[in-house]
């Protein structure tokens, strides 16, 4: 017998529940957006952070935390400064572990 991949009524969350929770995250289609402090050297800046699932990662990117390539299909983080003009245009793709360790390890190179 085929499975039913329908959500249970008890698992549904309404939009009102999400807004009343008081968190700083919001949903953007397939991704969750939240606000966090920046990497080493930019701790005072606020960054908008979006999680990218592996199914949505279709291009290779260069992680500024370790300077290694993020291969297509790898889940990762996209972060950009909300305090600096041009923020979303200056977004960077980070490995999940590199973003988690950003307080100990800043970007390996600067972009002009």
Protein backbone atom coordinates (compact mmCIF):
# COMPACT_ATOMS: atom_id res chain seq x y z
CA UNK A 1 0.00 0.00 0.00
CA UNK A 2 1.45 3.43 -0.89
CA UNK A 3 2.43 5.83 1.86
CA UNK A 4 0.60 9.06 2.40
CA UNK A 5 3.05 11.90 2.72
CA UNK A 6 0.54 14.35 4.07
CA UNK A 7 1.21 16.36 7.21
CA UNK A 8 -0.76 15.44 10.28
CA UNK A 9 -3.22 18.01 11.60
CA UNK A 10 -1.31 18.17 14.91
CA UNK A 11 1.92 19.14 13.13
CA UNK A 12 0.52 22.11 11.23
CA UNK A 13 1.72 25.52 12.33
CA UNK A 14 -0.19 28.61 11.45
CA UNK A 15 1.42 31.86 10.34
CA UNK A 16 0.01 33.52 13.47
CA UNK A 17 1.85 30.99 15.68
CA UNK A 18 5.14 31.78 13.95
CA UNK A 19 4.64 35.53 14.32
CA UNK A 20 3.66 35.28 17.98
CA UNK A 21 6.75 33.23 18.87
CA UNK A 22 8.88 36.41 18.87
CA UNK A 23 11.83 34.93 16.97
CA UNK A 24 13.83 36.97 14.50
CA UNK A 25 13.63 34.34 11.79
CA UNK A 26 11.30 34.42 8.86
CA UNK A 27 10.48 32.00 6.10
CA UNK A 28 11.40 32.79 2.52
CA UNK A 29 9.91 30.06 0.37
CA UNK A 30 12.28 27.11 0.84
CA UNK A 31 14.70 28.92 3.17
CA UNK A 32 14.66 30.30 6.68
CA UNK A 33 16.15 33.76 7.17
CA UNK A 34 17.51 34.92 10.52
CA UNK A 35 19.73 37.67 11.89
CA UNK A 36 23.08 36.92 13.57
CA UNK A 37 26.31 38.68 14.51
CA UNK A 38 29.10 38.77 11.94
CA UNK A 39 32.38 36.87 11.60
CA UNK A 40 35.63 37.74 13.40
CA UNK A 41 36.51 41.36 12.79
CA UNK A 42 32.87 42.25 12.15
CA UNK A 43 31.20 41.10 15.38
CA UNK A 44 29.40 44.42 15.77
CA UNK A 45 27.69 44.06 12.37
CA UNK A 46 24.38 42.24 12.00
CA UNK A 47 24.20 39.69 9.20
CA UNK A 48 21.14 38.24 7.54
CA UNK A 49 21.66 34.49 7.29
CA UNK A 50 19.78 32.09 5.04
CA UNK A 51 20.11 28.30 5.04
CA UNK A 52 20.38 26.71 1.58
CA UNK A 53 19.39 23.02 1.37
CA UNK A 54 21.48 20.73 -0.79
CA UNK A 55 18.68 20.32 -3.34
CA UNK A 56 18.79 24.09 -4.00
CA UNK A 57 22.58 24.38 -4.22
CA UNK A 58 23.12 24.12 -7.96
CA UNK A 59 26.39 26.04 -8.46
CA UNK A 60 29.85 25.82 -6.91
CA UNK A 61 30.76 28.65 -4.50
CA UNK A 62 33.93 29.64 -2.63
CA UNK A 63 33.59 29.68 1.18
CA UNK A 64 35.22 32.79 2.72
CA UNK A 65 35.80 30.93 6.00
CA UNK A 66 38.12 28.24 4.65
CA UNK A 67 38.65 29.35 1.02
CA UNK A 68 37.54 25.91 -0.22
CA UNK A 69 34.87 25.25 -2.80
CA UNK A 70 31.29 24.47 -1.79
CA UNK A 71 30.30 21.78 -4.28
CA UNK A 72 26.85 21.74 -5.91
CA UNK A 73 24.39 19.74 -3.82
CA UNK A 74 26.07 20.69 -0.52
CA UNK A 75 23.82 22.34 2.08
CA UNK A 76 25.33 25.64 3.23
CA UNK A 77 24.67 29.16 4.58
CA UNK A 78 24.30 32.43 2.67
CA UNK A 79 25.11 35.52 4.75
CA UNK A 80 25.18 39.25 4.03
CA UNK A 81 25.53 42.36 6.14
CA UNK A 82 22.34 44.22 7.00
CA UNK A 83 24.31 47.20 8.34
CA UNK A 84 26.42 47.98 5.27
CA UNK A 85 24.94 49.50 2.08
CA UNK A 86 24.75 46.97 -0.75
CA UNK A 87 24.32 44.13 1.74
CA UNK A 88 22.37 41.60 -0.34
CA UNK A 89 24.65 42.29 -3.32
CA UNK A 90 27.64 41.34 -1.14
CA UNK A 91 26.26 38.02 0.09
CA UNK A 92 28.71 35.18 0.70
CA UNK A 93 28.17 31.41 0.74
CA UNK A 94 29.68 29.67 3.80
CA UNK A 95 30.00 26.02 4.81
CA UNK A 96 27.76 25.34 7.83
CA UNK A 97 30.78 24.50 10.00
CA UNK A 98 32.75 27.55 8.86
CA UNK A 99 29.83 29.86 9.70
CA UNK A 100 29.47 28.20 13.12
CA UNK A 101 33.20 28.77 13.78
CA UNK A 102 33.16 32.37 12.48
CA UNK A 103 33.96 33.83 15.92
CA UNK A 104 37.28 31.93 15.96
CA UNK A 105 38.00 32.19 12.26
CA UNK A 106 37.24 35.19 10.06
CA UNK A 107 37.18 35.45 6.30
CA UNK A 108 40.41 34.22 4.73
CA UNK A 109 40.46 36.98 2.13
CA UNK A 110 38.73 40.28 1.48
CA UNK A 111 36.76 41.15 -1.61
CA UNK A 112 37.05 44.64 -3.03
